[in-house]
Amino acid sequence: MNSLSIRRFGFALGSAFALTYSACAFVMSCITREASIRFFNGILHGLDVTPIMTAEMTLRGVIRGVIEVFVLGWLFGAILACFYNISGRLDGRRTPAARG
């Protein structure tokens, strides 16, 4: 079993999260508050986001959000890669008869 680079996988996942967040912020800036509420209510299976939906998002807030989701994505990716590598080492220690 191959191992994953913890830093590279963390960077890839963090970058994917940051790109997704940026695209979401862009779309939110292009549509009305009501349209975004309908969208998120639809994908959240009826959970009403009206009380928590904000119509104002500053550039500073978007940049801060991109950085935060990148860091969280990097940490999540690093943890996943670490567990993947550990599970590969543990799997390699099993005897051939024990593998299923």
Protein backbone atom coordinates (compact mmCIF):
# COMPACT_ATOMS: atom_id res chain seq x y z
CA MET A 1 0.00 0.00 0.00
CA ASN A 2 1.35 3.41 -0.90
CA SER A 3 1.57 6.19 1.66
CA LEU A 4 0.29 9.73 1.27
CA SER A 5 2.36 12.84 1.84
CA ILE A 6 0.73 14.47 4.85
CA ARG A 7 1.74 18.00 3.81
CA ARG A 8 0.73 17.58 0.17
CA PHE A 9 -2.61 15.95 0.92
CA GLY A 10 -3.34 18.58 3.56
CA PHE A 11 -2.48 21.35 1.09
CA ALA A 12 -4.65 19.78 -1.61
CA LEU A 13 -7.68 19.45 0.65
CA GLY A 14 -7.16 22.91 2.15
CA SER A 15 -6.93 24.41 -1.33
CA ALA A 16 -10.10 22.59 -2.42
CA PHE A 17 -11.95 23.91 0.65
CA ALA A 18 -10.68 27.46 0.04
CA LEU A 19 -11.66 27.34 -3.63
CA THR A 20 -15.13 26.06 -2.76
CA TYR A 21 -15.56 28.76 -0.11
CA SER A 22 -14.44 31.44 -2.58
CA ALA A 23 -16.90 30.20 -5.21
CA CYS A 24 -19.70 30.17 -2.65
CA ALA A 25 -18.87 33.73 -1.52
CA PHE A 26 -18.86 34.86 -5.16
CA VAL A 27 -22.24 33.27 -5.87
CA MET A 28 -23.67 34.72 -2.65
CA SER A 29 -22.55 38.19 -3.75
CA CYS A 30 -24.31 37.77 -7.12
CA ILE A 31 -27.74 36.59 -5.96
CA THR A 32 -30.36 38.02 -3.65
CA ARG A 33 -30.64 37.13 0.02
CA GLU A 34 -33.96 35.40 -0.64
CA ALA A 35 -32.49 33.27 -3.43
CA SER A 36 -29.59 32.19 -1.22
CA ILE A 37 -32.01 31.32 1.59
CA ARG A 38 -34.07 29.17 -0.81
CA PHE A 39 -30.89 27.48 -2.06
CA PHE A 40 -29.51 26.62 1.38
CA ASN A 41 -32.92 25.61 2.74
CA GLY A 42 -33.14 23.21 -0.21
CA ILE A 43 -29.77 21.55 0.28
CA LEU A 44 -30.13 21.38 4.06
CA HIS A 45 -33.32 19.30 3.85
CA GLY A 46 -35.70 21.93 5.15
CA LEU A 47 -33.49 23.45 7.84
CA ASP A 48 -34.44 27.14 7.91
CA VAL A 49 -31.31 29.31 7.55
CA THR A 50 -33.25 32.60 7.52
CA PRO A 51 -32.24 33.65 11.07
CA ILE A 52 -28.53 33.06 10.44
CA MET A 53 -28.22 34.24 6.83
CA THR A 54 -26.35 37.49 6.47
CA ALA A 55 -26.72 39.71 3.45
CA GLU A 56 -23.56 41.69 4.11
CA MET A 57 -20.16 40.20 3.59
CA THR A 58 -17.06 42.36 3.58
CA LEU A 59 -13.93 41.62 1.60
CA ARG A 60 -12.07 41.31 4.88
CA GLY A 61 -14.61 38.72 6.07
CA VAL A 62 -14.26 36.72 2.86
CA ILE A 63 -10.45 36.73 3.06
CA ARG A 64 -10.60 35.69 6.71
CA GLY A 65 -13.05 32.91 5.82
CA VAL A 66 -10.84 31.65 2.98
CA ILE A 67 -7.86 31.48 5.33
CA GLU A 68 -9.87 29.75 8.05
CA VAL A 69 -11.32 27.07 5.78
CA PHE A 70 -7.88 26.52 4.21
CA VAL A 71 -6.34 25.90 7.64
CA LEU A 72 -9.20 23.62 8.70
CA GLY A 73 -9.01 21.77 5.36
CA TRP A 74 -5.25 21.39 5.70
CA LEU A 75 -5.62 19.98 9.20
CA PHE A 76 -8.40 17.63 8.10
CA GLY A 77 -6.35 16.46 5.10
CA ALA A 78 -3.27 15.93 7.23
CA ILE A 79 -5.26 13.87 9.72
CA LEU A 80 -6.79 11.78 6.91
CA ALA A 81 -3.38 11.16 5.33
CA CYS A 82 -1.93 10.22 8.70
CA PHE A 83 -4.69 7.71 9.41
CA TYR A 84 -4.41 6.35 5.86
CA ASN A 85 -0.68 5.79 6.30
CA ILE A 86 -1.14 4.18 9.72
CA SER A 87 -3.84 1.85 8.42
CA GLY A 88 -1.54 0.82 5.55
CA ARG A 89 1.23 -0.05 7.98
CA LEU A 90 -1.14 -2.02 10.18
CA ASP A 91 -2.54 -3.85 7.17
CA GLY A 92 0.97 -4.78 6.07
CA ARG A 93 1.66 -6.44 9.44
CA ARG A 94 -1.19 -8.93 9.06
CA THR A 95 -0.46 -12.40 7.87
CA PRO A 96 -1.73 -13.29 4.38
CA ALA A 97 -4.32 -15.68 5.89
CA ALA A 98 -5.78 -12.89 8.05
CA ARG A 99 -6.45 -10.55 5.13
CA GLY A 100 -9.99 -10.56 3.93
